[in-house]
Amino acid sequence: MIVTFSTARYSDIMLFGDIAKQMLHLMGHSGTIPGAILAADVPAALQRLQQGITGAPSPAATADDAETEQATHIDLKTRALPLVELLQSAISNNSDVLWK
């Protein structure tokens, strides 16, 4: 499943369902899809998300990973960056954030 996040005056962000739900939980949301955060609540959601990704452990690389070119680990902070930017744009534009 793909979850698409959107807000006014910013490009849509698409995340895989499991990652999207993880981000939603970090923002303090139930993880229900579809859903929305009202413009007034976006700053608090962004703050919770940033706190959550700061404390998230990075995946440890193994010896097998070094040998396998296809083994790519993307940490949560990197995965969250497009969503963080979308939330910052929503704050700047006083816009709601929607996902479906």
PDB file of N, CA and C in Angstrom:
ATOM      1  N   MET A   1       0.842  -1.168   0.000  1.00  0.00           N
ATOM      2  CA  MET A   1       0.000   0.000   0.000  1.00  0.00           C
ATOM      3  C   MET A   1       0.892   1.239   0.000  1.00  0.00           C
ATOM      4  N   ILE A   2       0.499   2.233  -0.747  1.00  0.00           N
ATOM      5  CA  ILE A   2       1.187   3.523  -0.806  1.00  0.00           C
ATOM      6  C   ILE A   2       0.283   4.560  -0.153  1.00  0.00           C
ATOM      7  N   VAL A   3       0.867   5.406   0.698  1.00  0.00           N
ATOM      8  CA  VAL A   3       0.126   6.480   1.353  1.00  0.00           C
ATOM      9  C   VAL A   3       0.654   7.798   0.796  1.00  0.00           C
ATOM     10  N   THR A   4      -0.260   8.661   0.368  1.00  0.00           N
ATOM     11  CA  THR A   4       0.102   9.949  -0.209  1.00  0.00           C
ATOM     12  C   THR A   4      -0.264  11.063   0.765  1.00  0.00           C
ATOM     13  N   PHE A   5       0.745  11.849   1.156  1.00  0.00           N
ATOM     14  CA  PHE A   5       0.547  13.013   2.018  1.00  0.00           C
ATOM     15  C   PHE A   5       0.488  14.242   1.139  1.00  0.00           C
ATOM     16  N   SER A   6      -0.417  15.167   1.461  1.00  0.00           N
ATOM     17  CA  SER A   6      -0.531  16.380   0.659  1.00  0.00           C
ATOM     18  C   SER A   6      -0.897  17.576   1.528  1.00  0.00           C
ATOM     19  N   THR A   7      -0.527  18.735   1.032  1.00  0.00           N
ATOM     20  CA  THR A   7      -0.872  20.014   1.645  1.00  0.00           C
ATOM     21  C   THR A   7      -0.863  21.051   0.529  1.00  0.00           C
ATOM     22  N   ALA A   8      -1.418  22.204   0.805  1.00  0.00           N
ATOM     23  CA  ALA A   8      -1.482  23.263  -0.208  1.00  0.00           C
ATOM     24  C   ALA A   8      -0.081  23.775  -0.540  1.00  0.00           C
ATOM     25  N   ARG A   9       0.156  24.062  -1.784  1.00  0.00           N
ATOM     26  CA  ARG A   9       1.386  24.667  -2.280  1.00  0.00           C
ATOM     27  C   ARG A   9       2.648  23.862  -1.982  1.00  0.00           C
ATOM     28  N   TYR A  10       2.529  22.534  -2.048  1.00  0.00           N
ATOM     29  CA  TYR A  10       3.691  21.664  -1.877  1.00  0.00           C
ATOM     30  C   TYR A  10       3.420  20.363  -2.622  1.00  0.00           C
ATOM     31  N   SER A  11       4.452  19.762  -3.134  1.00  0.00           N
ATOM     32  CA  SER A  11       4.302  18.495  -3.858  1.00  0.00           C
ATOM     33  C   SER A  11       3.841  17.388  -2.919  1.00  0.00           C
ATOM     34  N   ASP A  12       3.051  16.466  -3.457  1.00  0.00           N
ATOM     35  CA  ASP A  12       2.620  15.312  -2.673  1.00  0.00           C
ATOM     36  C   ASP A  12       3.820  14.439  -2.335  1.00  0.00           C
ATOM     37  N   ILE A  13       3.754  13.787  -1.182  1.00  0.00           N
ATOM     38  CA  ILE A  13       4.791  12.864  -0.721  1.00  0.00           C
ATOM     39  C   ILE A  13       4.161  11.485  -0.623  1.00  0.00           C
ATOM     40  N   MET A  14       4.807  10.486  -1.215  1.00  0.00           N
ATOM     41  CA  MET A  14       4.298   9.123  -1.147  1.00  0.00           C
ATOM     42  C   MET A  14       5.267   8.261  -0.337  1.00  0.00           C
ATOM     43  N   LEU A  15       4.701   7.493   0.593  1.00  0.00           N
ATOM     44  CA  LEU A  15       5.476   6.573   1.423  1.00  0.00           C
ATOM     45  C   LEU A  15       4.807   5.206   1.406  1.00  0.00           C
ATOM     46  N   PHE A  16       5.603   4.160   1.577  1.00  0.00           N
ATOM     47  CA  PHE A  16       5.027   2.838   1.743  1.00  0.00           C
ATOM     48  C   PHE A  16       4.200   2.824   3.025  1.00  0.00           C
ATOM     49  N   GLY A  17       3.150   2.020   3.044  1.00  0.00           N
ATOM     50  CA  GLY A  17       2.195   2.002   4.142  1.00  0.00           C
ATOM     51  C   GLY A  17       2.801   1.798   5.513  1.00  0.00           C
ATOM     52  N   ASP A  18       3.743   0.854   5.652  1.00  0.00           N
ATOM     53  CA  ASP A  18       4.317   0.598   6.972  1.00  0.00           C
ATOM     54  C   ASP A  18       5.128   1.779   7.475  1.00  0.00           C
ATOM     55  N   ILE A  19       5.876   2.429   6.595  1.00  0.00           N
ATOM     56  CA  ILE A  19       6.652   3.611   6.980  1.00  0.00           C
ATOM     57  C   ILE A  19       5.715   4.774   7.279  1.00  0.00           C
ATOM     58  N   ALA A  20       4.675   4.950   6.461  1.00  0.00           N
ATOM     59  CA  ALA A  20       3.716   6.033   6.682  1.00  0.00           C
ATOM     60  C   ALA A  20       3.042   5.893   8.042  1.00  0.00           C
ATOM     61  N   LYS A  21       2.628   4.672   8.375  1.00  0.00           N
ATOM     62  CA  LYS A  21       1.988   4.452   9.674  1.00  0.00           C
ATOM     63  C   LYS A  21       2.949   4.733  10.814  1.00  0.00           C
ATOM     64  N   GLN A  22       4.201   4.358  10.645  1.00  0.00           N
ATOM     65  CA  GLN A  22       5.206   4.635  11.665  1.00  0.00           C
ATOM     66  C   GLN A  22       5.363   6.150  11.854  1.00  0.00           C
ATOM     67  N   MET A  23       5.397   6.893  10.761  1.00  0.00           N
ATOM     68  CA  MET A  23       5.508   8.361  10.831  1.00  0.00           C
ATOM     69  C   MET A  23       4.277   8.961  11.504  1.00  0.00           C
ATOM     70  N   LEU A  24       3.105   8.452  11.148  1.00  0.00           N
ATOM     71  CA  LEU A  24       1.871   8.951  11.753  1.00  0.00           C
ATOM     72  C   LEU A  24       1.866   8.713  13.256  1.00  0.00           C
ATOM     73  N   HIS A  25       2.305   7.545  13.687  1.00  0.00           N
ATOM     74  CA  HIS A  25       2.365   7.254  15.127  1.00  0.00           C
ATOM     75  C   HIS A  25       3.349   8.187  15.821  1.00  0.00           C
ATOM     76  N   LEU A  26       4.491   8.450  15.185  1.00  0.00           N
ATOM     77  CA  LEU A  26       5.464   9.374  15.770  1.00  0.00           C
ATOM     78  C   LEU A  26       4.889  10.781  15.892  1.00  0.00           C
ATOM     79  N   MET A  27       3.997  11.158  14.960  1.00  0.00           N
ATOM     80  CA  MET A  27       3.366  12.485  15.018  1.00  0.00           C
ATOM     81  C   MET A  27       2.245  12.540  16.049  1.00  0.00           C
ATOM     82  N   GLY A  28       1.943  11.411  16.671  1.00  0.00           N
ATOM     83  CA  GLY A  28       0.893  11.391  17.677  1.00  0.00           C
ATOM     84  C   GLY A  28      -0.481  11.073  17.124  1.00  0.00           C
ATOM     85  N   HIS A  29      -0.527  10.581  15.901  1.00  0.00           N
ATOM     86  CA  HIS A  29      -1.796  10.234  15.265  1.00  0.00           C
ATOM     87  C   HIS A  29      -2.031   8.734  15.403  1.00  0.00           C
ATOM     88  N   SER A  30      -3.262   8.325  15.277  1.00  0.00           N
ATOM     89  CA  SER A  30      -3.608   6.913  15.436  1.00  0.00           C
ATOM     90  C   SER A  30      -3.068   6.031  14.311  1.00  0.00           C
ATOM     91  N   GLY A  31      -2.754   6.615  13.176  1.00  0.00           N
ATOM     92  CA  GLY A  31      -2.287   5.824  12.040  1.00  0.00           C
ATOM     93  C   GLY A  31      -3.396   5.460  11.079  1.00  0.00           C
ATOM     94  N   THR A  32      -4.586   6.019  11.291  1.00  0.00           N
ATOM     95  CA  THR A  32      -5.720   5.742  10.414  1.00  0.00           C
ATOM     96  C   THR A  32      -5.473   6.342   9.028  1.00  0.00           C
ATOM     97  N   ILE A  33      -5.814   5.570   8.016  1.00  0.00           N
ATOM     98  CA  ILE A  33      -5.675   6.035   6.635  1.00  0.00           C
ATOM     99  C   ILE A  33      -7.017   5.851   5.961  1.00  0.00           C
ATOM    100  N   PRO A  34      -7.601   6.877   5.391  1.00  0.00           N
ATOM    101  CA  PRO A  34      -7.141   8.253   5.242  1.00  0.00           C
ATOM    102  C   PRO A  34      -7.289   9.048   6.533  1.00  0.00           C
ATOM    103  N   GLY A  35      -6.678  10.224   6.537  1.00  0.00           N
ATOM    104  CA  GLY A  35      -6.751  11.079   7.713  1.00  0.00           C
ATOM    105  C   GLY A  35      -6.256  12.483   7.405  1.00  0.00           C
ATOM    106  N   ALA A  36      -6.227  13.304   8.447  1.00  0.00           N
ATOM    107  CA  ALA A  36      -5.811  14.697   8.276  1.00  0.00           C
ATOM    108  C   ALA A  36      -5.344  15.276   9.598  1.00  0.00           C
ATOM    109  N   ILE A  37      -4.532  16.305   9.488  1.00  0.00           N
ATOM    110  CA  ILE A  37      -4.135  17.116  10.639  1.00  0.00           C
ATOM    111  C   ILE A  37      -4.500  18.551  10.287  1.00  0.00           C
ATOM    112  N   LEU A  38      -5.262  19.182  11.141  1.00  0.00           N
ATOM    113  CA  LEU A  38      -5.645  20.574  10.907  1.00  0.00           C
ATOM    114  C   LEU A  38      -4.429  21.482  11.013  1.00  0.00           C
ATOM    115  N   ALA A  39      -4.467  22.584  10.305  1.00  0.00           N
ATOM    116  CA  ALA A  39      -3.337  23.512  10.256  1.00  0.00           C
ATOM    117  C   ALA A  39      -2.856  23.912  11.655  1.00  0.00           C
ATOM    118  N   ALA A  40      -3.774  24.122  12.577  1.00  0.00           N
ATOM    119  CA  ALA A  40      -3.400  24.531  13.928  1.00  0.00           C
ATOM    120  C   ALA A  40      -2.625  23.451  14.682  1.00  0.00           C
ATOM    121  N   ASP A  41      -2.794  22.192  14.282  1.00  0.00           N
ATOM    122  CA  ASP A  41      -2.144  21.067  14.964  1.00  0.00           C
ATOM    123  C   ASP A  41      -0.845  20.607  14.297  1.00  0.00           C
ATOM    124  N   VAL A  42      -0.530  21.159  13.148  1.00  0.00           N
ATOM    125  CA  VAL A  42       0.657  20.713  12.401  1.00  0.00           C
ATOM    126  C   VAL A  42       1.961  21.016  13.149  1.00  0.00           C
ATOM    127  N   PRO A  43       2.138  22.206  13.772  1.00  0.00           N
ATOM    128  CA  PRO A  43       3.402  22.446  14.480  1.00  0.00           C
ATOM    129  C   PRO A  43       3.692  21.410  15.576  1.00  0.00           C
ATOM    130  N   ALA A  44       2.686  21.018  16.324  1.00  0.00           N
ATOM    131  CA  ALA A  44       2.882  20.019  17.378  1.00  0.00           C
ATOM    132  C   ALA A  44       3.209  18.656  16.767  1.00  0.00           C
ATOM    133  N   ALA A  45       2.560  18.315  15.655  1.00  0.00           N
ATOM    134  CA  ALA A  45       2.826  17.043  14.988  1.00  0.00           C
ATOM    135  C   ALA A  45       4.262  17.008  14.460  1.00  0.00           C
ATOM    136  N   LEU A  46       4.719  18.126  13.893  1.00  0.00           N
ATOM    137  CA  LEU A  46       6.090  18.207  13.398  1.00  0.00           C
ATOM    138  C   LEU A  46       7.083  18.057  14.545  1.00  0.00           C
ATOM    139  N   GLN A  47       6.814  18.707  15.647  1.00  0.00           N
ATOM    140  CA  GLN A  47       7.707  18.614  16.801  1.00  0.00           C
ATOM    141  C   GLN A  47       7.806  17.169  17.309  1.00  0.00           C
ATOM    142  N   ARG A  48       6.668  16.490  17.420  1.00  0.00           N
ATOM    143  CA  ARG A  48       6.671  15.091  17.874  1.00  0.00           C
ATOM    144  C   ARG A  48       7.418  14.196  16.890  1.00  0.00           C
ATOM    145  N   LEU A  49       7.218  14.428  15.589  1.00  0.00           N
ATOM    146  CA  LEU A  49       7.907  13.637  14.579  1.00  0.00           C
ATOM    147  C   LEU A  49       9.415  13.833  14.687  1.00  0.00           C
ATOM    148  N   GLN A  50       9.856  15.080  14.807  1.00  0.00           N
ATOM    149  CA  GLN A  50      11.288  15.353  14.898  1.00  0.00           C
ATOM    150  C   GLN A  50      11.896  14.741  16.157  1.00  0.00           C
ATOM    151  N   GLN A  51      11.165  14.779  17.255  1.00  0.00           N
ATOM    152  CA  GLN A  51      11.662  14.154  18.481  1.00  0.00           C
ATOM    153  C   GLN A  51      11.745  12.640  18.308  1.00  0.00           C
ATOM    154  N   GLY A  52      10.753  12.064  17.652  1.00  0.00           N
ATOM    155  CA  GLY A  52      10.727  10.619  17.440  1.00  0.00           C
ATOM    156  C   GLY A  52      11.842  10.127  16.537  1.00  0.00           C
ATOM    157  N   ILE A  53      12.134  10.868  15.477  1.00  0.00           N
ATOM    158  CA  ILE A  53      13.179  10.412  14.557  1.00  0.00           C
ATOM    159  C   ILE A  53      14.568  10.678  15.121  1.00  0.00           C
ATOM    160  N   THR A  54      14.698  11.651  16.007  1.00  0.00           N
ATOM    161  CA  THR A  54      15.990  11.918  16.634  1.00  0.00           C
ATOM    162  C   THR A  54      16.397  10.762  17.536  1.00  0.00           C
ATOM    163  N   GLY A  55      15.412  10.180  18.227  1.00  0.00           N
ATOM    164  CA  GLY A  55      15.699   9.082  19.139  1.00  0.00           C
ATOM    165  C   GLY A  55      15.693   7.711  18.489  1.00  0.00           C
ATOM    166  N   ALA A  56      15.353   7.633  17.211  1.00  0.00           N
ATOM    167  CA  ALA A  56      15.274   6.332  16.534  1.00  0.00           C
ATOM    168  C   ALA A  56      16.670   5.796  16.236  1.00  0.00           C
ATOM    169  N   PRO A  57      16.911   4.526  16.521  1.00  0.00           N
ATOM    170  CA  PRO A  57      18.224   3.950  16.236  1.00  0.00           C
ATOM    171  C   PRO A  57      18.431   3.763  14.737  1.00  0.00           C
ATOM    172  N   SER A  58      19.674   3.916  14.290  1.00  0.00           N
ATOM    173  CA  SER A  58      20.018   3.656  12.894  1.00  0.00           C
ATOM    174  C   SER A  58      20.232   2.164  12.722  1.00  0.00           C
ATOM    175  N   PRO A  59      19.873   1.613  11.578  1.00  0.00           N
ATOM    176  CA  PRO A  59      20.101   0.182  11.377  1.00  0.00           C
ATOM    177  C   PRO A  59      21.594  -0.111  11.325  1.00  0.00           C
ATOM    178  N   ALA A  60      21.988  -1.196  11.939  1.00  0.00           N
ATOM    179  CA  ALA A  60      23.397  -1.587  11.952  1.00  0.00           C
ATOM    180  C   ALA A  60      23.735  -2.345  10.677  1.00  0.00           C
ATOM    181  N   ALA A  61      24.851  -2.018  10.087  1.00  0.00           N
ATOM    182  CA  ALA A  61      25.296  -2.719   8.883  1.00  0.00           C
ATOM    183  C   ALA A  61      25.988  -4.014   9.292  1.00  0.00           C
ATOM    184  N   THR A  62      25.810  -5.039   8.491  1.00  0.00           N
ATOM    185  CA  THR A  62      26.447  -6.325   8.764  1.00  0.00           C
ATOM    186  C   THR A  62      27.489  -6.604   7.686  1.00  0.00           C
ATOM    187  N   ALA A  63      28.292  -7.612   7.911  1.00  0.00           N
ATOM    188  CA  ALA A  63      29.305  -7.991   6.924  1.00  0.00           C
ATOM    189  C   ALA A  63      28.644  -8.414   5.614  1.00  0.00           C
ATOM    190  N   ASP A  64      27.495  -9.068   5.706  1.00  0.00           N
ATOM    191  CA  ASP A  64      26.784  -9.486   4.496  1.00  0.00           C
ATOM    192  C   ASP A  64      26.329  -8.283   3.681  1.00  0.00           C
ATOM    193  N   ASP A  65      25.974  -7.191   4.371  1.00  0.00           N
ATOM    194  CA  ASP A  65      25.531  -5.990   3.670  1.00  0.00           C
ATOM    195  C   ASP A  65      26.650  -5.407   2.810  1.00  0.00           C
ATOM    196  N   ALA A  66      27.856  -5.458   3.311  1.00  0.00           N
ATOM    197  CA  ALA A  66      28.980  -4.917   2.562  1.00  0.00           C
ATOM    198  C   ALA A  66      29.198  -5.701   1.272  1.00  0.00           C
ATOM    199  N   GLU A  67      28.877  -6.978   1.301  1.00  0.00           N
ATOM    200  CA  GLU A  67      29.086  -7.821   0.126  1.00  0.00           C
ATOM    201  C   GLU A  67      27.934  -7.733  -0.861  1.00  0.00           C
ATOM    202  N   THR A  68      26.786  -7.320  -0.417  1.00  0.00           N
ATOM    203  CA  THR A  68      25.600  -7.280  -1.263  1.00  0.00           C
ATOM    204  C   THR A  68      25.286  -5.846  -1.649  1.00  0.00           C
ATOM    205  N   GLU A  69      25.402  -5.550  -2.931  1.00  0.00           N
ATOM    206  CA  GLU A  69      25.151  -4.189  -3.395  1.00  0.00           C
ATOM    207  C   GLU A  69      23.695  -3.770  -3.203  1.00  0.00           C
ATOM    208  N   GLN A  70      22.779  -4.727  -3.252  1.00  0.00           N
ATOM    209  CA  GLN A  70      21.365  -4.394  -3.163  1.00  0.00           C
ATOM    210  C   GLN A  70      20.901  -4.181  -1.736  1.00  0.00           C
ATOM    211  N   ALA A  71      21.716  -4.482  -0.768  1.00  0.00           N
ATOM    212  CA  ALA A  71      21.324  -4.315   0.633  1.00  0.00           C
ATOM    213  C   ALA A  71      21.478  -2.852   1.005  1.00  0.00           C
ATOM    214  N   THR A  72      20.394  -2.113   0.995  1.00  0.00           N
ATOM    215  CA  THR A  72      20.413  -0.697   1.304  1.00  0.00           C
ATOM    216  C   THR A  72      19.565  -0.450   2.538  1.00  0.00           C
ATOM    217  N   HIS A  73      20.167   0.187   3.513  1.00  0.00           N
ATOM    218  CA  HIS A  73      19.444   0.535   4.735  1.00  0.00           C
ATOM    219  C   HIS A  73      19.273   2.043   4.778  1.00  0.00           C
ATOM    220  N   ILE A  74      18.049   2.474   4.859  1.00  0.00           N
ATOM    221  CA  ILE A  74      17.763   3.899   4.949  1.00  0.00           C
ATOM    222  C   ILE A  74      17.209   4.153   6.333  1.00  0.00           C
ATOM    223  N   ASP A  75      17.891   4.998   7.077  1.00  0.00           N
ATOM    224  CA  ASP A  75      17.449   5.242   8.447  1.00  0.00           C
ATOM    225  C   ASP A  75      16.165   6.064   8.460  1.00  0.00           C
ATOM    226  N   LEU A  76      15.501   6.048   9.588  1.00  0.00           N
ATOM    227  CA  LEU A  76      14.204   6.698   9.734  1.00  0.00           C
ATOM    228  C   LEU A  76      14.299   8.207   9.519  1.00  0.00           C
ATOM    229  N   LYS A  77      15.378   8.803   9.970  1.00  0.00           N
ATOM    230  CA  LYS A  77      15.554  10.252   9.813  1.00  0.00           C
ATOM    231  C   LYS A  77      15.589  10.633   8.335  1.00  0.00           C
ATOM    232  N   THR A  78      16.265   9.832   7.529  1.00  0.00           N
ATOM    233  CA  THR A  78      16.340  10.096   6.098  1.00  0.00           C
ATOM    234  C   THR A  78      14.984   9.876   5.435  1.00  0.00           C
ATOM    235  N   ARG A  79      14.298   8.811   5.820  1.00  0.00           N
ATOM    236  CA  ARG A  79      12.968   8.530   5.255  1.00  0.00           C
ATOM    237  C   ARG A  79      11.965   9.632   5.600  1.00  0.00           C
ATOM    238  N   ALA A  80      12.129  10.248   6.776  1.00  0.00           N
ATOM    239  CA  ALA A  80      11.182  11.256   7.240  1.00  0.00           C
ATOM    240  C   ALA A  80      11.414  12.631   6.629  1.00  0.00           C
ATOM    241  N   LEU A  81      12.582  12.869   6.046  1.00  0.00           N
ATOM    242  CA  LEU A  81      12.918  14.202   5.560  1.00  0.00           C
ATOM    243  C   LEU A  81      11.878  14.813   4.620  1.00  0.00           C
ATOM    244  N   PRO A  82      11.390  14.100   3.596  1.00  0.00           N
ATOM    245  CA  PRO A  82      10.368  14.718   2.736  1.00  0.00           C
ATOM    246  C   PRO A  82       9.090  15.081   3.497  1.00  0.00           C
ATOM    247  N   LEU A  83       8.701  14.247   4.449  1.00  0.00           N
ATOM    248  CA  LEU A  83       7.504  14.532   5.239  1.00  0.00           C
ATOM    249  C   LEU A  83       7.735  15.727   6.161  1.00  0.00           C
ATOM    250  N   VAL A  84       8.919  15.821   6.736  1.00  0.00           N
ATOM    251  CA  VAL A  84       9.259  16.970   7.581  1.00  0.00           C
ATOM    252  C   VAL A  84       9.157  18.253   6.763  1.00  0.00           C
ATOM    253  N   GLU A  85       9.688  18.236   5.551  1.00  0.00           N
ATOM    254  CA  GLU A  85       9.617  19.416   4.688  1.00  0.00           C
ATOM    255  C   GLU A  85       8.182  19.753   4.308  1.00  0.00           C
ATOM    256  N   LEU A  86       7.358  18.742   4.064  1.00  0.00           N
ATOM    257  CA  LEU A  86       5.948  18.975   3.771  1.00  0.00           C
ATOM    258  C   LEU A  86       5.261  19.629   4.968  1.00  0.00           C
ATOM    259  N   LEU A  87       5.542  19.145   6.165  1.00  0.00           N
ATOM    260  CA  LEU A  87       4.933  19.722   7.373  1.00  0.00           C
ATOM    261  C   LEU A  87       5.406  21.159   7.589  1.00  0.00           C
ATOM    262  N   GLN A  88       6.670  21.427   7.324  1.00  0.00           N
ATOM    263  CA  GLN A  88       7.178  22.795   7.451  1.00  0.00           C
ATOM    264  C   GLN A  88       6.483  23.722   6.457  1.00  0.00           C
ATOM    265  N   SER A  89       6.251  23.234   5.245  1.00  0.00           N
ATOM    266  CA  SER A  89       5.525  24.025   4.250  1.00  0.00           C
ATOM    267  C   SER A  89       4.090  24.278   4.700  1.00  0.00           C
ATOM    268  N   ALA A  90       3.459  23.261   5.268  1.00  0.00           N
ATOM    269  CA  ALA A  90       2.083  23.418   5.757  1.00  0.00           C
ATOM    270  C   ALA A  90       2.026  24.478   6.851  1.00  0.00           C
ATOM    271  N   ILE A  91       3.039  24.508   7.713  1.00  0.00           N
ATOM    272  CA  ILE A  91       3.082  25.525   8.758  1.00  0.00           C
ATOM    273  C   ILE A  91       3.233  26.911   8.138  1.00  0.00           C
ATOM    274  N   SER A  92       4.140  27.040   7.169  1.00  0.00           N
ATOM    275  CA  SER A  92       4.370  28.331   6.504  1.00  0.00           C
ATOM    276  C   SER A  92       3.124  28.842   5.795  1.00  0.00           C
ATOM    277  N   ASN A  93       2.348  27.909   5.239  1.00  0.00           N
ATOM    278  CA  ASN A  93       1.161  28.286   4.474  1.00  0.00           C
ATOM    279  C   ASN A  93      -0.132  28.187   5.279  1.00  0.00           C
ATOM    280  N   ASN A  94      -0.003  27.841   6.567  1.00  0.00           N
ATOM    281  CA  ASN A  94      -1.169  27.665   7.423  1.00  0.00           C
ATOM    282  C   ASN A  94      -2.196  26.731   6.762  1.00  0.00           C
ATOM    283  N   SER A  95      -1.704  25.555   6.337  1.00  0.00           N
ATOM    284  CA  SER A  95      -2.521  24.608   5.601  1.00  0.00           C
ATOM    285  C   SER A  95      -2.683  23.294   6.383  1.00  0.00           C
ATOM    286  N   ASP A  96      -3.787  22.627   6.127  1.00  0.00           N
ATOM    287  CA  ASP A  96      -4.011  21.297   6.677  1.00  0.00           C
ATOM    288  C   ASP A  96      -3.116  20.298   5.941  1.00  0.00           C
ATOM    289  N   VAL A  97      -2.855  19.161   6.579  1.00  0.00           N
ATOM    290  CA  VAL A  97      -2.124  18.059   5.945  1.00  0.00           C
ATOM    291  C   VAL A  97      -3.092  16.887   5.846  1.00  0.00           C
ATOM    292  N   LEU A  98      -3.199  16.341   4.647  1.00  0.00           N
ATOM    293  CA  LEU A  98      -4.095  15.221   4.370  1.00  0.00           C
ATOM    294  C   LEU A  98      -3.293  14.028   3.898  1.00  0.00           C
ATOM    295  N   TRP A  99      -3.803  12.838   4.158  1.00  0.00           N
ATOM    296  CA  TRP A  99      -3.189  11.633   3.600  1.00  0.00           C
ATOM    297  C   TRP A  99      -4.266  10.625   3.263  1.00  0.00           C
ATOM    298  N   LYS A 100      -3.962   9.861   2.213  1.00  0.00           N
ATOM    299  CA  LYS A 100      -4.902   8.832   1.745  1.00  0.00           C
ATOM    300  C   LYS A 100      -4.133   7.658   1.178  1.00  0.00           C
TER     301      LYS A 100
END
